[in-house]
PDB file of N, CA and C in Angstrom:
ATOM      1  N   MET A   1     -16.292   8.182 -44.319  1.00  0.00           N
ATOM      2  CA  MET A   1     -16.317   7.853 -42.924  1.00  0.00           C
ATOM      3  C   MET A   1     -14.924   8.003 -42.306  1.00  0.00           C
ATOM      4  N   LYS A   2     -13.874   7.588 -43.042  1.00  0.00           N
ATOM      5  CA  LYS A   2     -12.514   7.719 -42.538  1.00  0.00           C
ATOM      6  C   LYS A   2     -12.151   9.182 -42.355  1.00  0.00           C
ATOM      7  N   LYS A   3     -12.642  10.041 -43.281  1.00  0.00           N
ATOM      8  CA  LYS A   3     -12.335  11.463 -43.163  1.00  0.00           C
ATOM      9  C   LYS A   3     -12.979  12.057 -41.904  1.00  0.00           C
ATOM     10  N   LEU A   4     -14.177  11.604 -41.568  1.00  0.00           N
ATOM     11  CA  LEU A   4     -14.864  12.099 -40.377  1.00  0.00           C
ATOM     12  C   LEU A   4     -14.102  11.699 -39.117  1.00  0.00           C
ATOM     13  N   PHE A   5     -13.682  10.432 -39.023  1.00  0.00           N
ATOM     14  CA  PHE A   5     -12.904   9.993 -37.873  1.00  0.00           C
ATOM     15  C   PHE A   5     -11.560  10.715 -37.805  1.00  0.00           C
ATOM     16  N   GLY A   6     -10.927  10.922 -38.929  1.00  0.00           N
ATOM     17  CA  GLY A   6      -9.665  11.660 -38.956  1.00  0.00           C
ATOM     18  C   GLY A   6      -9.848  13.085 -38.482  1.00  0.00           C
ATOM     19  N   PHE A   7     -10.935  13.737 -38.907  1.00  0.00           N
ATOM     20  CA  PHE A   7     -11.224  15.110 -38.500  1.00  0.00           C
ATOM     21  C   PHE A   7     -11.499  15.167 -36.990  1.00  0.00           C
ATOM     22  N   LEU A   8     -12.304  14.232 -36.458  1.00  0.00           N
ATOM     23  CA  LEU A   8     -12.603  14.214 -35.024  1.00  0.00           C
ATOM     24  C   LEU A   8     -11.345  13.920 -34.198  1.00  0.00           C
ATOM     25  N   PHE A   9     -10.494  13.042 -34.712  1.00  0.00           N
ATOM     26  CA  PHE A   9      -9.240  12.743 -34.022  1.00  0.00           C
ATOM     27  C   PHE A   9      -8.332  13.970 -33.989  1.00  0.00           C
ATOM     28  N   ALA A  10      -8.278  14.704 -35.109  1.00  0.00           N
ATOM     29  CA  ALA A  10      -7.457  15.911 -35.167  1.00  0.00           C
ATOM     30  C   ALA A  10      -7.979  16.959 -34.176  1.00  0.00           C
ATOM     31  N   ILE A  11      -9.296  17.114 -34.073  1.00  0.00           N
ATOM     32  CA  ILE A  11      -9.884  18.058 -33.115  1.00  0.00           C
ATOM     33  C   ILE A  11      -9.524  17.646 -31.690  1.00  0.00           C
ATOM     34  N   LEU A  12      -9.608  16.348 -31.405  1.00  0.00           N
ATOM     35  CA  LEU A  12      -9.271  15.839 -30.075  1.00  0.00           C
ATOM     36  C   LEU A  12      -7.811  16.125 -29.738  1.00  0.00           C
ATOM     37  N   VAL A  13      -6.920  15.891 -30.674  1.00  0.00           N
ATOM     38  CA  VAL A  13      -5.493  16.126 -30.444  1.00  0.00           C
ATOM     39  C   VAL A  13      -5.240  17.606 -30.205  1.00  0.00           C
ATOM     40  N   ILE A  14      -5.856  18.475 -30.982  1.00  0.00           N
ATOM     41  CA  ILE A  14      -5.680  19.925 -30.805  1.00  0.00           C
ATOM     42  C   ILE A  14      -6.197  20.358 -29.433  1.00  0.00           C
ATOM     43  N   TYR A  15      -7.359  19.828 -29.029  1.00  0.00           N
ATOM     44  CA  TYR A  15      -7.917  20.173 -27.725  1.00  0.00           C
ATOM     45  C   TYR A  15      -6.996  19.708 -26.589  1.00  0.00           C
ATOM     46  N   VAL A  16      -6.452  18.497 -26.687  1.00  0.00           N
ATOM     47  CA  VAL A  16      -5.568  17.972 -25.651  1.00  0.00           C
ATOM     48  C   VAL A  16      -4.307  18.822 -25.553  1.00  0.00           C
ATOM     49  N   ILE A  17      -3.741  19.216 -26.663  1.00  0.00           N
ATOM     50  CA  ILE A  17      -2.545  20.056 -26.652  1.00  0.00           C
ATOM     51  C   ILE A  17      -2.874  21.420 -26.041  1.00  0.00           C
ATOM     52  N   TYR A  18      -4.004  22.012 -26.423  1.00  0.00           N
ATOM     53  CA  TYR A  18      -4.418  23.301 -25.870  1.00  0.00           C
ATOM     54  C   TYR A  18      -4.612  23.191 -24.352  1.00  0.00           C
ATOM     55  N   PHE A  19      -5.301  22.154 -23.894  1.00  0.00           N
ATOM     56  CA  PHE A  19      -5.553  21.965 -22.472  1.00  0.00           C
ATOM     57  C   PHE A  19      -4.245  21.784 -21.711  1.00  0.00           C
ATOM     58  N   ASP A  20      -3.329  21.002 -22.259  1.00  0.00           N
ATOM     59  CA  ASP A  20      -2.053  20.750 -21.607  1.00  0.00           C
ATOM     60  C   ASP A  20      -1.228  22.026 -21.491  1.00  0.00           C
ATOM     61  N   LEU A  21      -1.241  22.862 -22.519  1.00  0.00           N
ATOM     62  CA  LEU A  21      -0.450  24.083 -22.485  1.00  0.00           C
ATOM     63  C   LEU A  21      -1.093  25.185 -21.630  1.00  0.00           C
ATOM     64  N   SER A  22      -2.405  25.257 -21.623  1.00  0.00           N
ATOM     65  CA  SER A  22      -3.050  26.335 -20.875  1.00  0.00           C
ATOM     66  C   SER A  22      -3.278  25.973 -19.407  1.00  0.00           C
ATOM     67  N   VAL A  23      -3.846  24.825 -19.121  1.00  0.00           N
ATOM     68  CA  VAL A  23      -4.137  24.427 -17.751  1.00  0.00           C
ATOM     69  C   VAL A  23      -3.023  23.536 -17.213  1.00  0.00           C
ATOM     70  N   GLY A  24      -2.614  22.594 -17.985  1.00  0.00           N
ATOM     71  CA  GLY A  24      -1.554  21.673 -17.590  1.00  0.00           C
ATOM     72  C   GLY A  24      -2.088  20.475 -16.850  1.00  0.00           C
ATOM     73  N   THR A  25      -1.307  19.429 -16.864  1.00  0.00           N
ATOM     74  CA  THR A  25      -1.692  18.224 -16.155  1.00  0.00           C
ATOM     75  C   THR A  25      -0.796  17.986 -14.949  1.00  0.00           C
ATOM     76  N   LEU A  26       0.298  18.725 -14.843  1.00  0.00           N
ATOM     77  CA  LEU A  26       1.188  18.615 -13.699  1.00  0.00           C
ATOM     78  C   LEU A  26       0.872  19.740 -12.718  1.00  0.00           C
ATOM     79  N   PRO A  27       1.101  19.520 -11.423  1.00  0.00           N
ATOM     80  CA  PRO A  27       0.836  20.580 -10.456  1.00  0.00           C
ATOM     81  C   PRO A  27       1.764  21.764 -10.700  1.00  0.00           C
ATOM     82  N   SER A  28       1.217  22.942 -10.573  1.00  0.00           N
ATOM     83  CA  SER A  28       2.017  24.150 -10.793  1.00  0.00           C
ATOM     84  C   SER A  28       2.842  24.466  -9.557  1.00  0.00           C
ATOM     85  N   SER A  29       3.852  25.303  -9.720  1.00  0.00           N
ATOM     86  CA  SER A  29       4.743  25.620  -8.616  1.00  0.00           C
ATOM     87  C   SER A  29       4.102  26.576  -7.620  1.00  0.00           C
ATOM     88  N   ASN A  30       3.013  27.249  -7.995  1.00  0.00           N
ATOM     89  CA  ASN A  30       2.374  28.191  -7.080  1.00  0.00           C
ATOM     90  C   ASN A  30       1.184  27.561  -6.359  1.00  0.00           C
ATOM     91  N   SER A  31       1.172  26.247  -6.237  1.00  0.00           N
ATOM     92  CA  SER A  31       0.073  25.582  -5.546  1.00  0.00           C
ATOM     93  C   SER A  31       0.236  25.755  -4.041  1.00  0.00           C
ATOM     94  N   LYS A  32      -0.856  25.641  -3.316  1.00  0.00           N
ATOM     95  CA  LYS A  32      -0.830  25.792  -1.867  1.00  0.00           C
ATOM     96  C   LYS A  32      -0.122  24.601  -1.247  1.00  0.00           C
ATOM     97  N   GLN A  33       0.648  24.892  -0.221  1.00  0.00           N
ATOM     98  CA  GLN A  33       1.333  23.835   0.486  1.00  0.00           C
ATOM     99  C   GLN A  33       0.568  23.567   1.773  1.00  0.00           C
ATOM    100  N   VAL A  34       0.297  22.300   2.027  1.00  0.00           N
ATOM    101  CA  VAL A  34      -0.479  21.908   3.185  1.00  0.00           C
ATOM    102  C   VAL A  34       0.450  21.224   4.173  1.00  0.00           C
ATOM    103  N   ASP A  35       0.370  21.642   5.428  1.00  0.00           N
ATOM    104  CA  ASP A  35       1.172  21.005   6.457  1.00  0.00           C
ATOM    105  C   ASP A  35       0.504  19.706   6.872  1.00  0.00           C
ATOM    106  N   ALA A  36       1.275  18.648   6.872  1.00  0.00           N
ATOM    107  CA  ALA A  36       0.752  17.343   7.256  1.00  0.00           C
ATOM    108  C   ALA A  36       0.976  17.138   8.742  1.00  0.00           C
ATOM    109  N   LYS A  37      -0.010  16.555   9.383  1.00  0.00           N
ATOM    110  CA  LYS A  37       0.108  16.257  10.800  1.00  0.00           C
ATOM    111  C   LYS A  37       0.798  14.910  10.935  1.00  0.00           C
ATOM    112  N   VAL A  38       1.900  14.899  11.627  1.00  0.00           N
ATOM    113  CA  VAL A  38       2.651  13.667  11.836  1.00  0.00           C
ATOM    114  C   VAL A  38       2.461  13.267  13.284  1.00  0.00           C
ATOM    115  N   GLU A  39       1.960  12.055  13.453  1.00  0.00           N
ATOM    116  CA  GLU A  39       1.751  11.553  14.800  1.00  0.00           C
ATOM    117  C   GLU A  39       2.975  10.763  15.221  1.00  0.00           C
ATOM    118  N   THR A  40       3.457  11.060  16.401  1.00  0.00           N
ATOM    119  CA  THR A  40       4.568  10.298  16.927  1.00  0.00           C
ATOM    120  C   THR A  40       4.069   9.476  18.100  1.00  0.00           C
ATOM    121  N   THR A  41       4.643   8.323  18.234  1.00  0.00           N
ATOM    122  CA  THR A  41       4.248   7.450  19.319  1.00  0.00           C
ATOM    123  C   THR A  41       5.195   7.677  20.486  1.00  0.00           C
ATOM    124  N   VAL A  42       4.635   8.021  21.621  1.00  0.00           N
ATOM    125  CA  VAL A  42       5.416   8.223  22.821  1.00  0.00           C
ATOM    126  C   VAL A  42       5.288   6.960  23.657  1.00  0.00           C
ATOM    127  N   THR A  43       6.421   6.420  24.026  1.00  0.00           N
ATOM    128  CA  THR A  43       6.386   5.207  24.821  1.00  0.00           C
ATOM    129  C   THR A  43       6.045   5.577  26.257  1.00  0.00           C
ATOM    130  N   MET A  44       4.933   5.064  26.727  1.00  0.00           N
ATOM    131  CA  MET A  44       4.481   5.318  28.089  1.00  0.00           C
ATOM    132  C   MET A  44       4.129   3.991  28.732  1.00  0.00           C
ATOM    133  N   GLU A  45       4.241   3.971  30.013  1.00  0.00           N
ATOM    134  CA  GLU A  45       3.796   2.798  30.744  1.00  0.00           C
ATOM    135  C   GLU A  45       2.289   2.917  30.922  1.00  0.00           C
ATOM    136  N   HIS A  46       1.561   1.981  30.357  1.00  0.00           N
ATOM    137  CA  HIS A  46       0.113   1.983  30.474  1.00  0.00           C
ATOM    138  C   HIS A  46      -0.277   1.022  31.584  1.00  0.00           C
ATOM    139  N   LYS A  47      -1.107   1.491  32.463  1.00  0.00           N
ATOM    140  CA  LYS A  47      -1.613   0.642  33.533  1.00  0.00           C
ATOM    141  C   LYS A  47      -2.703  -0.239  32.939  1.00  0.00           C
ATOM    142  N   SER A  48      -2.317  -1.425  32.546  1.00  0.00           N
ATOM    143  CA  SER A  48      -3.264  -2.328  31.921  1.00  0.00           C
ATOM    144  C   SER A  48      -2.976  -3.744  32.400  1.00  0.00           C
ATOM    145  N   ASP A  49      -4.042  -4.520  32.508  1.00  0.00           N
ATOM    146  CA  ASP A  49      -3.880  -5.898  32.937  1.00  0.00           C
ATOM    147  C   ASP A  49      -3.619  -6.831  31.756  1.00  0.00           C
ATOM    148  N   ILE A  50      -3.459  -6.260  30.578  1.00  0.00           N
ATOM    149  CA  ILE A  50      -3.222  -7.049  29.369  1.00  0.00           C
ATOM    150  C   ILE A  50      -1.717  -7.238  29.198  1.00  0.00           C
ATOM    151  N   PRO A  51      -1.233  -8.486  29.161  1.00  0.00           N
ATOM    152  CA  PRO A  51       0.196  -8.675  28.885  1.00  0.00           C
ATOM    153  C   PRO A  51       0.507  -8.204  27.465  1.00  0.00           C
ATOM    154  N   SER A  52       1.663  -7.561  27.311  1.00  0.00           N
ATOM    155  CA  SER A  52       1.971  -6.988  25.998  1.00  0.00           C
ATOM    156  C   SER A  52       3.459  -7.054  25.706  1.00  0.00           C
ATOM    157  N   PHE A  53       3.783  -6.776  24.452  1.00  0.00           N
ATOM    158  CA  PHE A  53       5.163  -6.654  23.999  1.00  0.00           C
ATOM    159  C   PHE A  53       5.241  -5.478  23.038  1.00  0.00           C
ATOM    160  N   ASP A  54       6.411  -4.878  22.954  1.00  0.00           N
ATOM    161  CA  ASP A  54       6.636  -3.763  22.033  1.00  0.00           C
ATOM    162  C   ASP A  54       7.224  -4.299  20.741  1.00  0.00           C
ATOM    163  N   ALA A  55       6.775  -3.727  19.621  1.00  0.00           N
ATOM    164  CA  ALA A  55       7.322  -4.120  18.323  1.00  0.00           C
ATOM    165  C   ALA A  55       7.284  -2.922  17.387  1.00  0.00           C
ATOM    166  N   GLU A  56       8.308  -2.828  16.555  1.00  0.00           N
ATOM    167  CA  GLU A  56       8.356  -1.789  15.530  1.00  0.00           C
ATOM    168  C   GLU A  56       7.715  -2.337  14.256  1.00  0.00           C
ATOM    169  N   VAL A  57       6.874  -1.524  13.642  1.00  0.00           N
ATOM    170  CA  VAL A  57       6.138  -1.952  12.451  1.00  0.00           C
ATOM    171  C   VAL A  57       7.046  -1.861  11.230  1.00  0.00           C
ATOM    172  N   GLN A  58       7.128  -2.953  10.493  1.00  0.00           N
ATOM    173  CA  GLN A  58       7.903  -3.018   9.253  1.00  0.00           C
ATOM    174  C   GLN A  58       6.950  -2.932   8.063  1.00  0.00           C
ATOM    175  N   PRO A  59       7.443  -2.588   6.869  1.00  0.00           N
ATOM    176  CA  PRO A  59       6.563  -2.519   5.696  1.00  0.00           C
ATOM    177  C   PRO A  59       5.840  -3.833   5.447  1.00  0.00           C
ATOM    178  N   GLY A  60       4.546  -3.745   5.193  1.00  0.00           N
ATOM    179  CA  GLY A  60       3.737  -4.905   4.873  1.00  0.00           C
ATOM    180  C   GLY A  60       3.157  -5.625   6.073  1.00  0.00           C
ATOM    181  N   GLU A  61       3.490  -5.185   7.267  1.00  0.00           N
ATOM    182  CA  GLU A  61       2.985  -5.855   8.458  1.00  0.00           C
ATOM    183  C   GLU A  61       1.662  -5.246   8.906  1.00  0.00           C
ATOM    184  N   THR A  62       0.846  -6.080   9.515  1.00  0.00           N
ATOM    185  CA  THR A  62      -0.405  -5.638  10.122  1.00  0.00           C
ATOM    186  C   THR A  62      -0.375  -6.051  11.588  1.00  0.00           C
ATOM    187  N   VAL A  63      -1.352  -5.588  12.342  1.00  0.00           N
ATOM    188  CA  VAL A  63      -1.416  -5.957  13.755  1.00  0.00           C
ATOM    189  C   VAL A  63      -1.527  -7.475  13.890  1.00  0.00           C
ATOM    190  N   ILE A  64      -2.360  -8.087  13.065  1.00  0.00           N
ATOM    191  CA  ILE A  64      -2.537  -9.537  13.128  1.00  0.00           C
ATOM    192  C   ILE A  64      -1.234 -10.266  12.802  1.00  0.00           C
ATOM    193  N   SER A  65      -0.548  -9.838  11.744  1.00  0.00           N
ATOM    194  CA  SER A  65       0.681 -10.537  11.349  1.00  0.00           C
ATOM    195  C   SER A  65       1.781 -10.375  12.395  1.00  0.00           C
ATOM    196  N   ILE A  66       1.844  -9.218  13.048  1.00  0.00           N
ATOM    197  CA  ILE A  66       2.867  -9.006  14.081  1.00  0.00           C
ATOM    198  C   ILE A  66       2.603  -9.910  15.278  1.00  0.00           C
ATOM    199  N   VAL A  67       1.349  -9.985  15.725  1.00  0.00           N
ATOM    200  CA  VAL A  67       1.011 -10.831  16.868  1.00  0.00           C
ATOM    201  C   VAL A  67       1.222 -12.302  16.527  1.00  0.00           C
ATOM    202  N   GLU A  68       0.801 -12.731  15.335  1.00  0.00           N
ATOM    203  CA  GLU A  68       0.999 -14.131  14.940  1.00  0.00           C
ATOM    204  C   GLU A  68       2.475 -14.464  14.818  1.00  0.00           C
ATOM    205  N   HIS A  69       3.286 -13.524  14.320  1.00  0.00           N
ATOM    206  CA  HIS A  69       4.730 -13.765  14.203  1.00  0.00           C
ATOM    207  C   HIS A  69       5.358 -13.906  15.580  1.00  0.00           C
ATOM    208  N   GLU A  70       4.935 -13.095  16.526  1.00  0.00           N
ATOM    209  CA  GLU A  70       5.467 -13.181  17.891  1.00  0.00           C
ATOM    210  C   GLU A  70       5.070 -14.500  18.555  1.00  0.00           C
ATOM    211  N   LEU A  71       3.829 -14.936  18.321  1.00  0.00           N
ATOM    212  CA  LEU A  71       3.349 -16.182  18.926  1.00  0.00           C
ATOM    213  C   LEU A  71       3.870 -17.414  18.203  1.00  0.00           C
ATOM    214  N   LYS A  72       4.233 -17.258  16.933  1.00  0.00           N
ATOM    215  CA  LYS A  72       4.659 -18.358  16.065  1.00  0.00           C
ATOM    216  C   LYS A  72       3.547 -19.397  15.892  1.00  0.00           C
ATOM    217  N   LYS A  73       2.306 -18.924  15.929  1.00  0.00           N
ATOM    218  CA  LYS A  73       1.141 -19.774  15.688  1.00  0.00           C
ATOM    219  C   LYS A  73      -0.036 -18.866  15.324  1.00  0.00           C
ATOM    220  N   PRO A  74      -1.143 -19.432  14.857  1.00  0.00           N
ATOM    221  CA  PRO A  74      -2.299 -18.614  14.511  1.00  0.00           C
ATOM    222  C   PRO A  74      -2.862 -17.873  15.722  1.00  0.00           C
ATOM    223  N   LEU A  75      -3.589 -16.840  15.462  1.00  0.00           N
ATOM    224  CA  LEU A  75      -4.178 -15.997  16.493  1.00  0.00           C
ATOM    225  C   LEU A  75      -5.170 -16.798  17.344  1.00  0.00           C
ATOM    226  N   PRO A  76      -4.968 -16.872  18.684  1.00  0.00           N
ATOM    227  CA  PRO A  76      -5.851 -17.675  19.521  1.00  0.00           C
ATOM    228  C   PRO A  76      -7.134 -16.975  19.967  1.00  0.00           C
ATOM    229  N   VAL A  77      -7.291 -15.699  19.625  1.00  0.00           N
ATOM    230  CA  VAL A  77      -8.495 -14.942  20.000  1.00  0.00           C
ATOM    231  C   VAL A  77      -9.142 -14.397  18.742  1.00  0.00           C
ATOM    232  N   SER A  78     -10.336 -13.850  18.890  1.00  0.00           N
ATOM    233  CA  SER A  78     -11.005 -13.270  17.723  1.00  0.00           C
ATOM    234  C   SER A  78     -10.339 -11.954  17.342  1.00  0.00           C
ATOM    235  N   ILE A  79     -10.533 -11.552  16.106  1.00  0.00           N
ATOM    236  CA  ILE A  79      -9.956 -10.302  15.610  1.00  0.00           C
ATOM    237  C   ILE A  79     -10.542  -9.123  16.367  1.00  0.00           C
ATOM    238  N   THR A  80     -11.816  -9.200  16.731  1.00  0.00           N
ATOM    239  CA  THR A  80     -12.452  -8.129  17.500  1.00  0.00           C
ATOM    240  C   THR A  80     -11.764  -7.947  18.846  1.00  0.00           C
ATOM    241  N   ASP A  81     -11.441  -9.049  19.524  1.00  0.00           N
ATOM    242  CA  ASP A  81     -10.738  -8.966  20.804  1.00  0.00           C
ATOM    243  C   ASP A  81      -9.340  -8.377  20.624  1.00  0.00           C
ATOM    244  N   LEU A  82      -8.665  -8.772  19.565  1.00  0.00           N
ATOM    245  CA  LEU A  82      -7.336  -8.237  19.278  1.00  0.00           C
ATOM    246  C   LEU A  82      -7.398  -6.729  19.069  1.00  0.00           C
ATOM    247  N   ILE A  83      -8.368  -6.255  18.312  1.00  0.00           N
ATOM    248  CA  ILE A  83      -8.508  -4.819  18.051  1.00  0.00           C
ATOM    249  C   ILE A  83      -8.789  -4.061  19.349  1.00  0.00           C
ATOM    250  N   GLU A  84      -9.690  -4.596  20.180  1.00  0.00           N
ATOM    251  CA  GLU A  84     -10.004  -3.945  21.454  1.00  0.00           C
ATOM    252  C   GLU A  84      -8.777  -3.876  22.360  1.00  0.00           C
ATOM    253  N   ASP A  85      -8.023  -4.976  22.445  1.00  0.00           N
ATOM    254  CA  ASP A  85      -6.828  -4.996  23.283  1.00  0.00           C
ATOM    255  C   ASP A  85      -5.765  -4.039  22.752  1.00  0.00           C
ATOM    256  N   PHE A  86      -5.599  -3.981  21.423  1.00  0.00           N
ATOM    257  CA  PHE A  86      -4.627  -3.054  20.840  1.00  0.00           C
ATOM    258  C   PHE A  86      -4.992  -1.612  21.180  1.00  0.00           C
ATOM    259  N   ARG A  87      -6.274  -1.272  21.082  1.00  0.00           N
ATOM    260  CA  ARG A  87      -6.720   0.092  21.400  1.00  0.00           C
ATOM    261  C   ARG A  87      -6.537   0.419  22.879  1.00  0.00           C
ATOM    262  N   LYS A  88      -6.721  -0.568  23.767  1.00  0.00           N
ATOM    263  CA  LYS A  88      -6.497  -0.334  25.195  1.00  0.00           C
ATOM    264  C   LYS A  88      -5.017  -0.083  25.480  1.00  0.00           C
ATOM    265  N   LEU A  89      -4.148  -0.814  24.793  1.00  0.00           N
ATOM    266  CA  LEU A  89      -2.706  -0.666  25.008  1.00  0.00           C
ATOM    267  C   LEU A  89      -2.143   0.593  24.360  1.00  0.00           C
ATOM    268  N   ASN A  90      -2.773   1.065  23.299  1.00  0.00           N
ATOM    269  CA  ASN A  90      -2.305   2.233  22.552  1.00  0.00           C
ATOM    270  C   ASN A  90      -3.456   3.233  22.420  1.00  0.00           C
ATOM    271  N   PRO A  91      -3.743   3.992  23.485  1.00  0.00           N
ATOM    272  CA  PRO A  91      -4.869   4.935  23.425  1.00  0.00           C
ATOM    273  C   PRO A  91      -4.692   5.949  22.295  1.00  0.00           C
ATOM    274  N   GLY A  92      -5.766   6.178  21.573  1.00  0.00           N
ATOM    275  CA  GLY A  92      -5.735   7.144  20.474  1.00  0.00           C
ATOM    276  C   GLY A  92      -5.238   6.569  19.161  1.00  0.00           C
ATOM    277  N   GLN A  93      -4.820   5.320  19.140  1.00  0.00           N
ATOM    278  CA  GLN A  93      -4.317   4.688  17.921  1.00  0.00           C
ATOM    279  C   GLN A  93      -5.323   3.649  17.446  1.00  0.00           C
ATOM    280  N   THR A  94      -5.452   3.534  16.136  1.00  0.00           N
ATOM    281  CA  THR A  94      -6.300   2.488  15.577  1.00  0.00           C
ATOM    282  C   THR A  94      -5.419   1.489  14.831  1.00  0.00           C
ATOM    283  N   PRO A  95      -5.769   0.213  14.857  1.00  0.00           N
ATOM    284  CA  PRO A  95      -4.951  -0.797  14.182  1.00  0.00           C
ATOM    285  C   PRO A  95      -4.858  -0.581  12.680  1.00  0.00           C
ATOM    286  N   GLU A  96      -5.862   0.076  12.101  1.00  0.00           N
ATOM    287  CA  GLU A  96      -5.864   0.302  10.658  1.00  0.00           C
ATOM    288  C   GLU A  96      -4.857   1.366  10.238  1.00  0.00           C
ATOM    289  N   LYS A  97      -4.412   2.195  11.168  1.00  0.00           N
ATOM    290  CA  LYS A  97      -3.544   3.317  10.816  1.00  0.00           C
ATOM    291  C   LYS A  97      -2.189   3.259  11.496  1.00  0.00           C
ATOM    292  N   ILE A  98      -1.659   2.057  11.704  1.00  0.00           N
ATOM    293  CA  ILE A  98      -0.320   1.973  12.281  1.00  0.00           C
ATOM    294  C   ILE A  98       0.689   2.450  11.242  1.00  0.00           C
ATOM    295  N   GLN A  99       1.749   3.082  11.711  1.00  0.00           N
ATOM    296  CA  GLN A  99       2.739   3.701  10.841  1.00  0.00           C
ATOM    297  C   GLN A  99       4.006   2.845  10.771  1.00  0.00           C
ATOM    298  N   ILE A 100       4.550   2.716   9.583  1.00  0.00           N
ATOM    299  CA  ILE A 100       5.796   1.981   9.394  1.00  0.00           C
ATOM    300  C   ILE A 100       6.901   2.705  10.151  1.00  0.00           C
ATOM    301  N   GLY A 101       7.686   1.954  10.895  1.00  0.00           N
ATOM    302  CA  GLY A 101       8.792   2.528  11.643  1.00  0.00           C
ATOM    303  C   GLY A 101       8.422   2.946  13.057  1.00  0.00           C
ATOM    304  N   SER A 102       7.146   2.995  13.385  1.00  0.00           N
ATOM    305  CA  SER A 102       6.715   3.362  14.732  1.00  0.00           C
ATOM    306  C   SER A 102       6.644   2.121  15.595  1.00  0.00           C
ATOM    307  N   THR A 103       6.812   2.324  16.903  1.00  0.00           N
ATOM    308  CA  THR A 103       6.760   1.223  17.864  1.00  0.00           C
ATOM    309  C   THR A 103       5.448   1.300  18.634  1.00  0.00           C
ATOM    310  N   TYR A 104       4.766   0.184  18.734  1.00  0.00           N
ATOM    311  CA  TYR A 104       3.501   0.095  19.445  1.00  0.00           C
ATOM    312  C   TYR A 104       3.548  -1.059  20.417  1.00  0.00           C
ATOM    313  N   GLN A 105       2.609  -1.073  21.340  1.00  0.00           N
ATOM    314  CA  GLN A 105       2.439  -2.211  22.221  1.00  0.00           C
ATOM    315  C   GLN A 105       1.376  -3.121  21.616  1.00  0.00           C
ATOM    316  N   PHE A 106       1.679  -4.405  21.590  1.00  0.00           N
ATOM    317  CA  PHE A 106       0.766  -5.395  21.033  1.00  0.00           C
ATOM    318  C   PHE A 106       0.408  -6.393  22.138  1.00  0.00           C
ATOM    319  N   PRO A 107      -0.828  -6.861  22.144  1.00  0.00           N
ATOM    320  CA  PRO A 107      -1.223  -7.840  23.173  1.00  0.00           C
ATOM    321  C   PRO A 107      -0.474  -9.157  22.995  1.00  0.00           C
ATOM    322  N   ASP A 108      -0.074  -9.728  24.112  1.00  0.00           N
ATOM    323  CA  ASP A 108       0.671 -10.985  24.099  1.00  0.00           C
ATOM    324  C   ASP A 108      -0.260 -12.095  24.562  1.00  0.00           C
ATOM    325  N   TYR A 109      -0.620 -12.984  23.654  1.00  0.00           N
ATOM    326  CA  TYR A 109      -1.535 -14.083  23.950  1.00  0.00           C
ATOM    327  C   TYR A 109      -0.793 -15.403  24.085  1.00  0.00           C
ATOM    328  N   SER A 110       0.464 -15.371  24.480  1.00  0.00           N
ATOM    329  CA  SER A 110       1.237 -16.617  24.547  1.00  0.00           C
ATOM    330  C   SER A 110       0.841 -17.483  25.742  1.00  0.00           C
ATOM    331  N   ASN A 111       0.170 -16.918  26.743  1.00  0.00           N
ATOM    332  CA  ASN A 111      -0.242 -17.702  27.919  1.00  0.00           C
ATOM    333  C   ASN A 111      -1.623 -18.232  27.766  1.00  0.00           C
TER     334      ASN A 111
END
């Protein structure tokens, strides 16, 4: 039984070495290069009746955490309302895809 497992292990090792040398596990240098679309945020004055503030997104922050940090208290509205207000203030942007280092307008619920 040990000889059978040893033989199967040897076959597996030979196959892995063959696969690594012929196909490889690292990307090759002749792979296609894809251009990534980078969205930039343009600061514009939005005609909106929602009071807001501008904030730059830092690593680990979310829309909820930024608004709560600005208010220094828990969120006074529902998350659905926050998402709707964020989308009104930042047309074309979704709260799930905010970019680190970009500046967005966030609803101000301090009143």
